N, C-alpha and C. Protein backbone atom coordinates (compact mmCIF):
# COMPACT_ATOMS: atom_id res chain seq x y z
N MET A 1 39.19 18.84 191.40
CA MET A 1 40.48 19.51 191.51
C MET A 1 40.88 19.65 192.97
N LYS A 2 42.17 19.49 193.24
CA LYS A 2 42.66 19.59 194.61
C LYS A 2 43.91 20.48 194.66
N ALA A 3 43.93 21.42 195.60
CA ALA A 3 45.07 22.32 195.78
C ALA A 3 45.70 22.07 197.14
N GLY A 4 47.01 22.35 197.22
CA GLY A 4 47.73 22.19 198.48
C GLY A 4 48.57 23.41 198.78
N VAL A 5 48.62 23.77 200.04
CA VAL A 5 49.45 24.89 200.50
C VAL A 5 50.52 24.34 201.43
N VAL A 6 51.77 24.49 201.04
CA VAL A 6 52.87 23.95 201.84
C VAL A 6 53.08 24.83 203.08
N VAL A 7 53.28 24.18 204.22
CA VAL A 7 53.52 24.89 205.47
C VAL A 7 54.91 24.55 205.99
N PHE A 8 55.76 25.55 206.00
CA PHE A 8 57.09 25.42 206.61
C PHE A 8 57.04 26.04 208.01
N PRO A 9 57.93 25.64 208.90
CA PRO A 9 58.03 26.39 210.16
C PRO A 9 58.37 27.85 209.86
N GLY A 10 57.51 28.76 210.27
CA GLY A 10 57.73 30.17 209.97
C GLY A 10 56.85 30.72 208.87
N SER A 11 56.12 29.85 208.16
CA SER A 11 55.16 30.35 207.17
C SER A 11 54.09 31.17 207.88
N ASN A 12 53.68 32.28 207.30
CA ASN A 12 52.61 33.05 207.94
C ASN A 12 51.54 33.55 206.97
N CYS A 13 51.64 33.12 205.73
CA CYS A 13 50.60 33.47 204.75
C CYS A 13 49.88 32.23 204.25
N ASP A 14 50.12 31.11 204.91
CA ASP A 14 49.52 29.85 204.49
C ASP A 14 48.00 29.86 204.60
N HIS A 15 47.49 30.41 205.70
CA HIS A 15 46.03 30.44 205.88
C HIS A 15 45.37 31.44 204.92
N ASP A 16 46.09 32.49 204.56
CA ASP A 16 45.56 33.44 203.57
C ASP A 16 45.35 32.74 202.23
N CYS A 17 46.37 31.99 201.80
CA CYS A 17 46.28 31.26 200.53
C CYS A 17 45.19 30.20 200.59
N TYR A 18 45.11 29.51 201.71
CA TYR A 18 44.07 28.49 201.91
C TYR A 18 42.69 29.12 201.79
N HIS A 19 42.50 30.26 202.43
CA HIS A 19 41.21 30.94 202.41
C HIS A 19 40.80 31.31 200.99
N VAL A 20 41.73 31.86 200.22
CA VAL A 20 41.41 32.26 198.86
C VAL A 20 41.04 31.05 198.00
N LEU A 21 41.85 30.01 198.09
CA LEU A 21 41.62 28.82 197.27
C LEU A 21 40.33 28.11 197.65
N LYS A 22 40.13 27.91 198.96
CA LYS A 22 38.98 27.12 199.41
C LYS A 22 37.68 27.92 199.46
N HIS A 23 37.72 29.09 200.06
CA HIS A 23 36.49 29.83 200.33
C HIS A 23 36.11 30.81 199.23
N LEU A 24 37.09 31.36 198.52
CA LEU A 24 36.77 32.30 197.46
C LEU A 24 36.70 31.63 196.09
N CYS A 25 37.53 30.60 195.90
CA CYS A 25 37.56 29.92 194.60
C CYS A 25 36.85 28.57 194.61
N GLY A 26 36.48 28.09 195.80
CA GLY A 26 35.71 26.85 195.91
C GLY A 26 36.48 25.59 195.56
N VAL A 27 37.80 25.61 195.78
CA VAL A 27 38.64 24.46 195.44
C VAL A 27 38.92 23.63 196.70
N ASP A 28 38.84 22.34 196.57
CA ASP A 28 39.22 21.43 197.66
C ASP A 28 40.69 21.67 197.99
N THR A 29 40.97 22.18 199.18
CA THR A 29 42.33 22.62 199.53
C THR A 29 42.75 22.04 200.87
N SER A 30 44.00 21.67 200.97
CA SER A 30 44.54 21.17 202.24
C SER A 30 45.96 21.69 202.43
N PHE A 31 46.43 21.60 203.66
CA PHE A 31 47.79 21.99 203.97
C PHE A 31 48.74 20.82 203.75
N ILE A 32 49.94 21.12 203.30
CA ILE A 32 50.99 20.12 203.11
C ILE A 32 52.13 20.45 204.07
N TRP A 33 52.42 19.55 204.99
CA TRP A 33 53.45 19.80 205.99
C TRP A 33 54.84 19.65 205.38
N HIS A 34 55.79 20.40 205.89
CA HIS A 34 57.14 20.44 205.29
C HIS A 34 57.86 19.10 205.36
N LYS A 35 57.37 18.18 206.19
CA LYS A 35 57.99 16.85 206.29
C LYS A 35 57.31 15.82 205.39
N ASP A 36 56.22 16.22 204.73
CA ASP A 36 55.54 15.29 203.82
C ASP A 36 56.44 14.99 202.61
N THR A 37 56.29 13.80 202.09
CA THR A 37 57.14 13.40 200.96
C THR A 37 56.36 12.96 199.73
N ASP A 38 55.04 13.15 199.75
CA ASP A 38 54.20 12.76 198.61
C ASP A 38 53.21 13.87 198.32
N VAL A 39 53.31 14.48 197.14
CA VAL A 39 52.37 15.53 196.74
C VAL A 39 51.69 15.17 195.43
N SER A 40 51.66 13.89 195.14
CA SER A 40 51.18 13.42 193.84
C SER A 40 49.68 13.63 193.63
N GLY A 41 48.93 13.86 194.70
CA GLY A 41 47.48 13.98 194.55
C GLY A 41 46.98 15.38 194.28
N TYR A 42 47.89 16.32 194.04
CA TYR A 42 47.49 17.72 193.90
C TYR A 42 47.56 18.20 192.45
N ASP A 43 46.62 19.09 192.11
CA ASP A 43 46.60 19.71 190.79
C ASP A 43 47.28 21.08 190.81
N LEU A 44 47.37 21.67 192.00
CA LEU A 44 47.99 22.99 192.17
C LEU A 44 48.62 23.04 193.56
N ILE A 45 49.85 23.53 193.63
CA ILE A 45 50.54 23.68 194.92
C ILE A 45 51.01 25.11 195.07
N VAL A 46 50.86 25.66 196.27
CA VAL A 46 51.30 27.01 196.57
C VAL A 46 52.34 26.97 197.69
N LEU A 47 53.47 27.65 197.45
CA LEU A 47 54.46 27.88 198.50
C LEU A 47 54.20 29.31 198.99
N PRO A 48 53.71 29.47 200.22
CA PRO A 48 53.26 30.78 200.69
C PRO A 48 54.38 31.66 201.22
N GLY A 49 54.00 32.89 201.54
CA GLY A 49 54.95 33.81 202.13
C GLY A 49 55.19 33.54 203.60
N GLY A 50 56.14 34.26 204.16
CA GLY A 50 56.49 34.10 205.57
C GLY A 50 57.98 34.19 205.76
N PHE A 51 58.44 33.52 206.80
CA PHE A 51 59.87 33.50 207.11
C PHE A 51 60.26 32.06 207.42
N SER A 52 60.26 31.22 206.40
CA SER A 52 60.49 29.79 206.60
C SER A 52 61.81 29.54 207.32
N TYR A 53 61.71 28.75 208.38
CA TYR A 53 62.87 28.43 209.22
C TYR A 53 63.57 29.70 209.71
N GLY A 54 62.78 30.77 209.89
CA GLY A 54 63.34 32.02 210.38
C GLY A 54 64.20 32.75 209.37
N ASP A 55 64.22 32.26 208.13
CA ASP A 55 65.08 32.84 207.09
C ASP A 55 66.55 32.86 207.51
N TYR A 56 66.91 31.89 208.35
CA TYR A 56 68.32 31.78 208.73
C TYR A 56 69.14 31.31 207.53
N LEU A 57 70.39 31.59 207.55
CA LEU A 57 71.34 31.30 206.47
C LEU A 57 71.10 32.25 205.30
N ARG A 58 69.94 32.07 204.62
CA ARG A 58 69.53 32.90 203.51
C ARG A 58 68.04 32.69 203.33
N CYS A 59 67.33 33.71 202.91
CA CYS A 59 65.88 33.55 202.78
C CYS A 59 65.55 32.40 201.82
N GLY A 60 64.77 31.45 202.31
CA GLY A 60 64.35 30.32 201.50
C GLY A 60 65.35 29.19 201.37
N ALA A 61 66.57 29.40 201.85
CA ALA A 61 67.62 28.40 201.64
C ALA A 61 67.36 27.10 202.38
N ILE A 62 67.01 27.19 203.66
CA ILE A 62 66.77 25.98 204.44
C ILE A 62 65.50 25.28 203.96
N ALA A 63 64.46 26.06 203.69
CA ALA A 63 63.21 25.48 203.22
C ALA A 63 63.40 24.71 201.92
N SER A 64 64.31 25.18 201.08
CA SER A 64 64.54 24.51 199.78
C SER A 64 65.11 23.12 199.96
N LYS A 65 65.66 22.84 201.16
CA LYS A 65 66.25 21.53 201.45
C LYS A 65 65.35 20.67 202.33
N SER A 66 64.15 21.16 202.62
CA SER A 66 63.24 20.39 203.48
C SER A 66 62.71 19.17 202.73
N PRO A 67 62.25 18.14 203.46
CA PRO A 67 61.81 16.89 202.81
C PRO A 67 60.76 17.09 201.71
N VAL A 68 59.81 17.98 201.94
CA VAL A 68 58.73 18.13 200.96
C VAL A 68 59.22 18.65 199.62
N MET A 69 60.34 19.37 199.60
CA MET A 69 60.78 19.99 198.37
C MET A 69 61.27 19.00 197.33
N ASP A 70 61.76 17.86 197.74
CA ASP A 70 62.11 16.82 196.76
C ASP A 70 60.88 16.42 195.98
N ALA A 71 59.77 16.26 196.71
CA ALA A 71 58.51 15.88 196.06
C ALA A 71 57.97 17.02 195.21
N VAL A 72 58.10 18.26 195.71
CA VAL A 72 57.61 19.42 194.97
C VAL A 72 58.40 19.60 193.67
N CYS A 73 59.70 19.42 193.73
CA CYS A 73 60.53 19.54 192.53
C CYS A 73 60.16 18.48 191.50
N GLU A 74 59.93 17.27 191.96
CA GLU A 74 59.52 16.19 191.06
C GLU A 74 58.16 16.49 190.45
N TYR A 75 57.26 17.01 191.28
CA TYR A 75 55.92 17.41 190.84
C TYR A 75 56.01 18.47 189.73
N ALA A 76 56.86 19.48 189.94
CA ALA A 76 57.03 20.55 188.96
C ALA A 76 57.68 20.02 187.68
N ASP A 77 58.67 19.17 187.83
CA ASP A 77 59.35 18.60 186.66
C ASP A 77 58.40 17.82 185.77
N LYS A 78 57.35 17.26 186.39
CA LYS A 78 56.36 16.49 185.64
C LYS A 78 55.24 17.37 185.08
N GLY A 79 55.35 18.68 185.30
CA GLY A 79 54.37 19.60 184.74
C GLY A 79 53.32 20.09 185.69
N GLY A 80 53.43 19.73 186.99
CA GLY A 80 52.45 20.20 187.97
C GLY A 80 52.51 21.71 188.14
N PHE A 81 51.39 22.32 188.43
CA PHE A 81 51.31 23.78 188.54
C PHE A 81 51.69 24.22 189.95
N LEU A 82 52.60 25.19 190.01
CA LEU A 82 53.22 25.58 191.27
C LEU A 82 53.35 27.10 191.33
N ILE A 83 52.91 27.68 192.45
CA ILE A 83 53.02 29.12 192.67
C ILE A 83 53.86 29.36 193.92
N GLY A 84 54.87 30.21 193.82
CA GLY A 84 55.67 30.62 194.97
C GLY A 84 55.47 32.10 195.19
N ILE A 85 54.96 32.48 196.37
CA ILE A 85 54.65 33.87 196.68
C ILE A 85 55.60 34.38 197.74
N CYS A 86 56.30 35.47 197.46
CA CYS A 86 57.21 36.12 198.41
C CYS A 86 58.27 35.11 198.90
N ASN A 87 58.18 34.66 200.13
CA ASN A 87 59.13 33.66 200.61
C ASN A 87 59.09 32.40 199.75
N GLY A 88 57.91 32.09 199.20
CA GLY A 88 57.80 30.95 198.31
C GLY A 88 58.59 31.15 197.03
N PHE A 89 58.64 32.39 196.52
CA PHE A 89 59.47 32.72 195.36
C PHE A 89 60.94 32.52 195.71
N GLN A 90 61.33 32.96 196.89
CA GLN A 90 62.71 32.78 197.35
C GLN A 90 63.07 31.30 197.42
N VAL A 91 62.15 30.49 197.91
CA VAL A 91 62.37 29.04 197.98
C VAL A 91 62.54 28.46 196.58
N LEU A 92 61.73 28.91 195.64
CA LEU A 92 61.82 28.39 194.27
C LEU A 92 63.17 28.68 193.62
N THR A 93 63.71 29.88 193.88
CA THR A 93 65.03 30.20 193.30
C THR A 93 66.12 29.38 193.99
N GLU A 94 66.00 29.21 195.30
CA GLU A 94 66.99 28.42 196.04
C GLU A 94 66.96 26.95 195.62
N ALA A 95 65.78 26.47 195.26
CA ALA A 95 65.63 25.07 194.84
C ALA A 95 65.99 24.86 193.38
N GLY A 96 66.26 25.94 192.65
CA GLY A 96 66.62 25.82 191.24
C GLY A 96 65.44 25.66 190.31
N LEU A 97 64.21 25.87 190.83
CA LEU A 97 63.04 25.75 189.98
C LEU A 97 62.79 27.02 189.17
N LEU A 98 63.37 28.13 189.62
CA LEU A 98 63.33 29.38 188.88
C LEU A 98 64.71 30.00 188.90
N PRO A 99 65.08 30.72 187.84
CA PRO A 99 66.42 31.33 187.79
C PRO A 99 66.49 32.62 188.61
N GLY A 100 67.71 33.02 188.95
CA GLY A 100 67.91 34.27 189.65
C GLY A 100 67.95 34.09 191.16
N ALA A 101 67.96 35.22 191.86
CA ALA A 101 68.03 35.21 193.32
C ALA A 101 67.35 36.45 193.87
N LEU A 102 66.92 36.39 195.12
CA LEU A 102 66.31 37.52 195.79
C LEU A 102 67.28 38.07 196.82
N LEU A 103 67.65 39.34 196.64
CA LEU A 103 68.60 40.01 197.52
C LEU A 103 67.87 40.99 198.43
N LYS A 104 68.61 41.56 199.37
CA LYS A 104 68.01 42.56 200.26
C LYS A 104 67.54 43.77 199.46
N ASN A 105 66.44 44.36 199.91
CA ASN A 105 65.94 45.58 199.28
C ASN A 105 67.04 46.64 199.25
N ARG A 106 67.07 47.44 198.21
CA ARG A 106 68.12 48.44 198.09
C ARG A 106 68.09 49.46 199.23
N SER A 107 66.93 49.63 199.86
CA SER A 107 66.82 50.53 201.00
C SER A 107 67.32 49.90 202.29
N LEU A 108 67.55 48.57 202.25
CA LEU A 108 67.92 47.78 203.43
C LEU A 108 66.86 47.86 204.52
N LYS A 109 65.62 48.10 204.10
CA LYS A 109 64.50 48.16 205.04
C LYS A 109 63.38 47.23 204.59
N PHE A 110 62.64 46.72 205.55
CA PHE A 110 61.44 45.93 205.24
C PHE A 110 60.39 46.86 204.65
N ILE A 111 59.74 46.42 203.58
CA ILE A 111 58.73 47.23 202.91
C ILE A 111 57.40 46.50 202.92
N CYS A 112 56.36 47.19 203.37
CA CYS A 112 55.01 46.61 203.37
C CYS A 112 54.04 47.68 202.89
N LYS A 113 53.57 47.55 201.65
CA LYS A 113 52.66 48.54 201.09
C LYS A 113 52.05 48.01 199.80
N TYR A 114 50.99 48.66 199.35
CA TYR A 114 50.45 48.35 198.04
C TYR A 114 51.36 48.91 196.96
N VAL A 115 51.52 48.15 195.88
CA VAL A 115 52.28 48.62 194.72
C VAL A 115 51.46 48.34 193.47
N TYR A 116 51.87 48.94 192.37
CA TYR A 116 51.24 48.67 191.08
C TYR A 116 52.14 47.74 190.27
N LEU A 117 51.51 46.82 189.57
CA LEU A 117 52.22 45.90 188.69
C LEU A 117 51.62 46.01 187.29
N ARG A 118 52.48 45.84 186.29
CA ARG A 118 52.00 45.78 184.92
C ARG A 118 52.12 44.35 184.43
N VAL A 119 51.07 43.83 183.84
CA VAL A 119 51.06 42.47 183.31
C VAL A 119 51.84 42.46 182.00
N GLU A 120 52.96 41.74 182.01
CA GLU A 120 53.84 41.68 180.84
C GLU A 120 53.52 40.49 179.93
N ASN A 121 52.91 39.47 180.48
CA ASN A 121 52.61 38.27 179.71
C ASN A 121 51.30 37.68 180.24
N ASN A 122 50.27 37.68 179.41
CA ASN A 122 49.01 37.07 179.82
C ASN A 122 48.75 35.74 179.12
N PHE A 123 49.77 35.25 178.44
CA PHE A 123 49.67 33.93 177.81
C PHE A 123 50.29 32.87 178.71
N THR A 124 49.89 32.88 179.97
CA THR A 124 50.36 31.88 180.93
C THR A 124 49.15 31.31 181.65
N PRO A 125 49.29 30.13 182.25
CA PRO A 125 48.17 29.58 183.02
C PRO A 125 47.75 30.49 184.17
N PHE A 126 48.66 31.34 184.65
CA PHE A 126 48.42 32.14 185.84
C PHE A 126 47.89 33.54 185.55
N THR A 127 47.91 33.96 184.29
CA THR A 127 47.56 35.35 183.97
C THR A 127 46.56 35.47 182.82
N ASN A 128 45.93 34.37 182.44
CA ASN A 128 45.07 34.41 181.26
C ASN A 128 43.80 35.24 181.44
N LEU A 129 43.44 35.58 182.67
CA LEU A 129 42.26 36.42 182.90
C LEU A 129 42.61 37.90 182.97
N TYR A 130 43.89 38.21 182.86
CA TYR A 130 44.33 39.61 182.78
C TYR A 130 44.51 39.99 181.32
N SER A 131 44.64 41.28 181.07
CA SER A 131 44.97 41.78 179.74
C SER A 131 46.43 42.16 179.70
N ILE A 132 47.06 42.04 178.56
CA ILE A 132 48.45 42.45 178.42
C ILE A 132 48.54 43.96 178.68
N GLY A 133 49.47 44.36 179.52
CA GLY A 133 49.61 45.76 179.87
C GLY A 133 48.68 46.23 180.97
N GLU A 134 47.83 45.34 181.48
CA GLU A 134 46.90 45.73 182.55
C GLU A 134 47.67 46.11 183.81
N ILE A 135 47.18 47.11 184.51
CA ILE A 135 47.80 47.56 185.76
C ILE A 135 46.99 47.00 186.92
N VAL A 136 47.66 46.28 187.81
CA VAL A 136 46.99 45.69 188.96
C VAL A 136 47.61 46.21 190.25
N LYS A 137 46.81 46.24 191.29
CA LYS A 137 47.23 46.77 192.58
C LYS A 137 47.30 45.62 193.59
N ILE A 138 48.52 45.29 194.01
CA ILE A 138 48.76 44.15 194.89
C ILE A 138 49.85 44.54 195.91
N PRO A 139 49.71 44.14 197.17
CA PRO A 139 50.70 44.56 198.16
C PRO A 139 51.97 43.71 198.18
N ILE A 140 53.03 44.33 198.66
CA ILE A 140 54.28 43.61 198.95
C ILE A 140 54.54 43.67 200.44
N ALA A 141 55.34 42.73 200.93
CA ALA A 141 55.74 42.72 202.35
C ALA A 141 57.01 41.88 202.44
N HIS A 142 58.16 42.53 202.25
CA HIS A 142 59.41 41.77 202.22
C HIS A 142 60.63 42.62 202.57
N MET A 143 61.67 41.91 202.95
CA MET A 143 62.98 42.52 203.19
C MET A 143 63.95 42.16 202.08
N GLU A 144 63.78 40.95 201.53
CA GLU A 144 64.63 40.47 200.44
C GLU A 144 63.79 40.23 199.19
N GLY A 145 63.40 41.34 198.56
CA GLY A 145 62.57 41.23 197.37
C GLY A 145 63.24 41.75 196.11
N ASN A 146 64.51 42.05 196.24
CA ASN A 146 65.30 42.63 195.15
C ASN A 146 65.74 41.53 194.19
N TYR A 147 64.98 41.35 193.11
CA TYR A 147 65.27 40.25 192.18
C TYR A 147 66.52 40.55 191.36
N PHE A 148 67.44 39.59 191.37
CA PHE A 148 68.68 39.73 190.59
C PHE A 148 68.86 38.54 189.68
N ILE A 149 69.33 38.84 188.47
CA ILE A 149 69.74 37.79 187.54
C ILE A 149 70.80 38.40 186.63
N ASP A 150 71.76 37.59 186.20
CA ASP A 150 72.84 38.14 185.37
C ASP A 150 72.34 38.45 183.96
N GLU A 151 73.20 39.07 183.17
CA GLU A 151 72.78 39.54 181.84
C GLU A 151 72.33 38.39 180.94
N ASP A 152 73.07 37.28 180.98
CA ASP A 152 72.69 36.13 180.15
C ASP A 152 71.34 35.58 180.58
N GLY A 153 71.14 35.49 181.89
CA GLY A 153 69.87 34.99 182.40
C GLY A 153 68.72 35.91 182.04
N LEU A 154 68.95 37.22 182.14
CA LEU A 154 67.93 38.19 181.80
C LEU A 154 67.56 38.09 180.32
N ALA A 155 68.56 37.92 179.49
CA ALA A 155 68.31 37.77 178.05
C ALA A 155 67.43 36.55 177.77
N LYS A 156 67.66 35.47 178.51
CA LYS A 156 66.85 34.25 178.33
C LYS A 156 65.42 34.48 178.80
N LEU A 157 65.27 35.19 179.92
CA LEU A 157 63.91 35.50 180.41
C LEU A 157 63.13 36.26 179.35
N LYS A 158 63.79 37.23 178.74
CA LYS A 158 63.12 38.04 177.72
C LYS A 158 62.81 37.23 176.47
N LYS A 159 63.79 36.45 176.05
CA LYS A 159 63.62 35.64 174.84
C LYS A 159 62.45 34.67 174.97
N ASN A 160 62.29 34.10 176.15
CA ASN A 160 61.25 33.10 176.38
C ASN A 160 59.97 33.67 176.97
N SER A 161 59.88 34.99 177.04
CA SER A 161 58.69 35.66 177.60
C SER A 161 58.37 35.17 179.01
N GLN A 162 59.41 35.04 179.83
CA GLN A 162 59.23 34.53 181.18
C GLN A 162 58.97 35.61 182.22
N ILE A 163 59.09 36.87 181.84
CA ILE A 163 58.79 37.96 182.77
C ILE A 163 57.28 38.19 182.74
N VAL A 164 56.63 38.00 183.87
CA VAL A 164 55.17 38.04 183.94
C VAL A 164 54.66 39.38 184.49
N PHE A 165 55.30 39.87 185.55
CA PHE A 165 54.89 41.13 186.17
C PHE A 165 56.10 42.04 186.35
N LYS A 166 55.86 43.35 186.17
CA LYS A 166 56.87 44.36 186.48
C LYS A 166 56.25 45.44 187.37
N TYR A 167 57.05 45.95 188.30
CA TYR A 167 56.60 47.08 189.11
C TYR A 167 56.46 48.31 188.22
N CYS A 168 55.39 49.06 188.42
CA CYS A 168 55.15 50.25 187.62
C CYS A 168 54.46 51.31 188.48
N ASP A 169 54.23 52.48 187.90
CA ASP A 169 53.44 53.48 188.62
C ASP A 169 51.97 53.29 188.26
N GLU A 170 51.10 54.13 188.80
CA GLU A 170 49.66 53.96 188.60
C GLU A 170 49.23 54.13 187.15
N PHE A 171 50.13 54.68 186.33
CA PHE A 171 49.82 54.86 184.91
C PHE A 171 50.45 53.77 184.03
N GLY A 172 51.13 52.82 184.68
CA GLY A 172 51.74 51.73 183.94
C GLY A 172 53.14 52.00 183.46
N GLU A 173 53.72 53.12 183.87
CA GLU A 173 55.07 53.46 183.46
C GLU A 173 56.09 52.71 184.33
N ILE A 174 57.09 52.12 183.68
CA ILE A 174 58.15 51.40 184.38
C ILE A 174 59.25 52.39 184.71
N THR A 175 59.32 52.80 185.97
CA THR A 175 60.28 53.84 186.37
C THR A 175 61.09 53.37 187.58
N ASN A 176 62.19 54.05 187.82
CA ASN A 176 63.00 53.73 188.99
C ASN A 176 62.24 54.02 190.27
N ASP A 177 61.46 55.09 190.27
CA ASP A 177 60.69 55.45 191.47
C ASP A 177 59.61 54.43 191.79
N SER A 178 59.13 53.73 190.77
CA SER A 178 58.06 52.74 191.00
C SER A 178 58.63 51.36 191.34
N ASN A 179 59.96 51.26 191.39
CA ASN A 179 60.63 50.01 191.74
C ASN A 179 60.89 50.03 193.25
N PRO A 180 60.14 49.27 194.04
CA PRO A 180 60.23 49.41 195.49
C PRO A 180 61.47 48.80 196.12
N ASN A 181 62.11 47.87 195.43
CA ASN A 181 63.19 47.12 196.08
C ASN A 181 64.50 47.06 195.30
N GLY A 182 64.53 47.60 194.09
CA GLY A 182 65.75 47.58 193.29
C GLY A 182 65.86 46.43 192.33
N SER A 183 64.78 45.68 192.12
CA SER A 183 64.81 44.52 191.23
C SER A 183 65.29 44.88 189.83
N VAL A 184 66.03 43.99 189.21
CA VAL A 184 66.50 44.17 187.84
C VAL A 184 65.31 44.45 186.93
N GLU A 185 65.37 45.56 186.23
CA GLU A 185 64.34 45.97 185.27
C GLU A 185 62.92 45.90 185.85
N ASN A 186 62.80 46.18 187.15
CA ASN A 186 61.49 46.25 187.83
C ASN A 186 60.75 44.91 187.86
N ILE A 187 61.47 43.80 187.74
CA ILE A 187 60.82 42.50 187.68
C ILE A 187 60.18 42.14 189.02
N ALA A 188 58.90 41.79 188.97
CA ALA A 188 58.15 41.42 190.18
C ALA A 188 57.72 39.96 190.18
N GLY A 189 57.69 39.34 189.00
CA GLY A 189 57.28 37.94 188.92
C GLY A 189 57.70 37.31 187.61
N ILE A 190 58.08 36.03 187.68
CA ILE A 190 58.53 35.30 186.49
C ILE A 190 57.95 33.89 186.49
N ILE A 191 58.02 33.25 185.33
CA ILE A 191 57.67 31.84 185.22
C ILE A 191 58.88 31.07 184.71
N ASN A 192 58.83 29.75 184.87
CA ASN A 192 59.89 28.92 184.30
C ASN A 192 59.66 28.78 182.80
N LYS A 193 60.61 28.22 182.10
CA LYS A 193 60.53 28.12 180.64
C LYS A 193 59.34 27.26 180.21
N LYS A 194 59.04 26.23 180.99
CA LYS A 194 57.92 25.34 180.66
C LYS A 194 56.57 26.03 180.89
N GLY A 195 56.54 27.01 181.79
CA GLY A 195 55.33 27.78 182.02
C GLY A 195 54.42 27.28 183.12
N ASN A 196 54.87 26.30 183.90
CA ASN A 196 54.00 25.74 184.95
C ASN A 196 54.40 26.17 186.36
N VAL A 197 55.47 26.96 186.48
CA VAL A 197 55.93 27.41 187.79
C VAL A 197 56.01 28.94 187.78
N LEU A 198 55.29 29.57 188.70
CA LEU A 198 55.28 31.02 188.82
C LEU A 198 55.88 31.44 190.16
N GLY A 199 56.75 32.43 190.13
CA GLY A 199 57.27 33.03 191.35
C GLY A 199 57.04 34.52 191.31
N MET A 200 56.55 35.09 192.41
CA MET A 200 56.32 36.53 192.47
C MET A 200 56.48 37.02 193.89
N MET A 201 57.00 38.24 194.05
CA MET A 201 57.16 38.82 195.38
C MET A 201 55.87 39.42 195.93
N PRO A 202 55.06 40.12 195.15
CA PRO A 202 53.79 40.64 195.67
C PRO A 202 52.85 39.52 196.11
N HIS A 203 51.90 39.87 196.96
CA HIS A 203 50.99 38.90 197.59
C HIS A 203 49.59 38.96 196.98
N PRO A 204 49.28 38.17 195.97
CA PRO A 204 47.93 38.21 195.38
C PRO A 204 46.84 37.76 196.36
N GLU A 205 47.21 36.89 197.30
CA GLU A 205 46.22 36.41 198.27
C GLU A 205 45.78 37.51 199.24
N ARG A 206 46.56 38.58 199.33
CA ARG A 206 46.20 39.71 200.18
C ARG A 206 45.44 40.78 199.41
N ALA A 207 45.15 40.50 198.16
CA ALA A 207 44.38 41.42 197.32
C ALA A 207 43.33 40.62 196.57
N ALA A 208 42.55 39.84 197.32
CA ALA A 208 41.58 38.95 196.69
C ALA A 208 40.14 39.30 197.05
N GLU A 209 39.94 40.33 197.89
CA GLU A 209 38.60 40.75 198.29
C GLU A 209 38.57 42.28 198.36
N SER A 210 37.47 42.86 197.96
CA SER A 210 37.37 44.32 197.92
C SER A 210 37.62 44.96 199.27
N ILE A 211 37.24 44.28 200.34
CA ILE A 211 37.40 44.84 201.68
C ILE A 211 38.88 45.05 202.02
N LEU A 212 39.77 44.36 201.32
CA LEU A 212 41.22 44.50 201.54
C LEU A 212 41.82 45.65 200.75
N GLY A 213 41.02 46.30 199.92
CA GLY A 213 41.53 47.43 199.14
C GLY A 213 41.75 47.12 197.67
N SER A 214 41.73 45.84 197.33
CA SER A 214 41.88 45.42 195.93
C SER A 214 41.54 43.94 195.83
N LYS A 215 40.94 43.55 194.73
CA LYS A 215 40.73 42.12 194.47
C LYS A 215 41.43 41.70 193.18
N ASP A 216 42.43 42.49 192.78
CA ASP A 216 43.17 42.20 191.55
C ASP A 216 43.90 40.86 191.62
N GLY A 217 44.31 40.47 192.82
CA GLY A 217 45.06 39.23 192.96
C GLY A 217 44.22 37.99 192.81
N LEU A 218 42.92 38.12 193.01
CA LEU A 218 42.03 36.96 192.91
C LEU A 218 42.09 36.32 191.54
N TYR A 219 42.28 37.15 190.51
CA TYR A 219 42.21 36.64 189.14
C TYR A 219 43.43 35.81 188.77
N LEU A 220 44.50 35.95 189.53
CA LEU A 220 45.65 35.07 189.31
C LEU A 220 45.27 33.64 189.69
N PHE A 221 44.63 33.49 190.86
CA PHE A 221 44.21 32.15 191.28
C PHE A 221 43.13 31.61 190.37
N LYS A 222 42.18 32.45 189.98
CA LYS A 222 41.11 31.99 189.10
C LYS A 222 41.65 31.60 187.72
N SER A 223 42.67 32.31 187.27
CA SER A 223 43.28 31.99 185.97
C SER A 223 43.79 30.57 185.94
N VAL A 224 44.61 30.22 186.93
CA VAL A 224 45.22 28.90 186.91
C VAL A 224 44.20 27.81 187.22
N ILE A 225 43.23 28.11 188.07
CA ILE A 225 42.19 27.13 188.38
C ILE A 225 41.38 26.81 187.13
N ASP A 226 40.97 27.86 186.41
CA ASP A 226 40.21 27.64 185.15
C ASP A 226 41.05 26.88 184.14
N PHE A 227 42.33 27.23 184.06
CA PHE A 227 43.21 26.57 183.10
C PHE A 227 43.33 25.08 183.40
N ILE A 228 43.47 24.75 184.67
CA ILE A 228 43.58 23.34 185.05
C ILE A 228 42.28 22.59 184.78
N LYS A 229 41.16 23.21 185.14
CA LYS A 229 39.87 22.56 184.95
C LYS A 229 39.54 22.33 183.48
N GLU A 230 39.98 23.28 182.64
CA GLU A 230 39.70 23.14 181.21
C GLU A 230 40.69 22.21 180.52
N GLY A 231 41.81 21.96 181.24
CA GLY A 231 42.87 21.14 180.88
C GLY A 231 43.02 20.21 179.86
C-alpha cells in the first residue's frame, strides 16, 4: 500500500500527516508536489491543512485549480480514497468533490482548540473502527470552518448518510454552544455520495498520539488503511 500527501505552497500540516501515515501506521508514504500531474500509483491521498497559496481569493480556491488537482479529481472519480483535512476540506469543496462551502467562523476569529465530535456514521472506510455515537476529542485550527450548504443539499446529505462527524459537547449532545464556528447543524465532516472522499475541519493527525492529549484521530487513518488492505 502507498499513501501520498499533497503539498501546496502554504501547506503546514503535510509533515504531520506524513508522520502519522508513515511512522505510526507503517504505510509507505511520500509527498506529492502541487505541480505533479500523475497520482495513479497511490492507494490513499491526503490533502492537508494549512493556508494553500496564502488562502488568497478564497480559502482553497487557488489550490483547487493547481495542476495536481486535475489528477486528484480523476483519481477520486475512479474510486481512489481521498481525505481533505481543514484547508484540504476547503479545497475539496472548491474543486466540486464535496458539496457545500466553508465560510468564516461566526465569531470572525481564528479558533485553535480541542473540540468534541460525535460519530454520526461508522459505515464508511474512514470510520469503521469507531462506534456509532462515539465521542472523540480532536483539535480544530481554522478561520473559515463554518460549513454551509443549502436546504436541498442538506437534505441530500442526510438522505445518503453523508454526515460523518458533528460537533458536540463532552456528553455527546449537539448544542449551539458546542458548535465552534457556526456550521450548519454542527457538521464537522462529510463524505461524498460514493463514500471514497472524506472532508473534515478538525485535525485527526494532531490527535494521533497520547502525548498530544488524544489519540482519537489515529483510528480514522487506521480505519481507511485497514479497509484498503482488506479490499
